[in-house]
């Protein structure tokens, strides 16, 4: 399997980590606990094209304290995977994500920041559901336990993004770069996203 890595210098760590998942800005002018629901169309090109509708709901935005806690774990540990996973799983859920044929999976982290032109960028993170066979075989994929979703919406709350499942985050001790690493797969394209009025 090919390991895919994105490296960003820690000299711009606040921005770099924001690109990955932990955007430094607080939630925008929208109410912190205003529930928002979205739907979109995912295209997975790994192992042949596969498509699915994905629905997700944001019930609250992650706090600055929660962001700082996760950031601290990444910076202070050579391999932060297990500590980061444990901390993420202990956070109160921020919403949920599901396909039409699956149960909802809790989202554990959600931040947003404004984009030029009145839009916004949303980053979501959670632990990745692990299959029974994957765990029983102690597959190397269990070392990549995070799912990160990045979305760009316009001022009408329509847009697109990407889903990175099977990911881990760490700081390369030699280069001091922040690394977002995926295990042998491309990001899933997340298109035609729009807000659902409920």
Foldseek 3Di string as FASTA:
>chain_A
DDKDKDWAACVPVQVQVCVVFQHQDAADPPDQQDKWKKKWKWWFPPPHTDIFIKIKMFRGADDNVLSVVLVCLQVVDQFSQVVSQVSQVPADFGIWMDTPPDDTDTWRHWGKDADPQQKIKIKTKHFADDDPVCVVVVPPLVSQGMKMWIWIAHNQAWGWTWIAGSWGWHQNPPRRIIMIMHDPGDTIIIHGMGIDDD
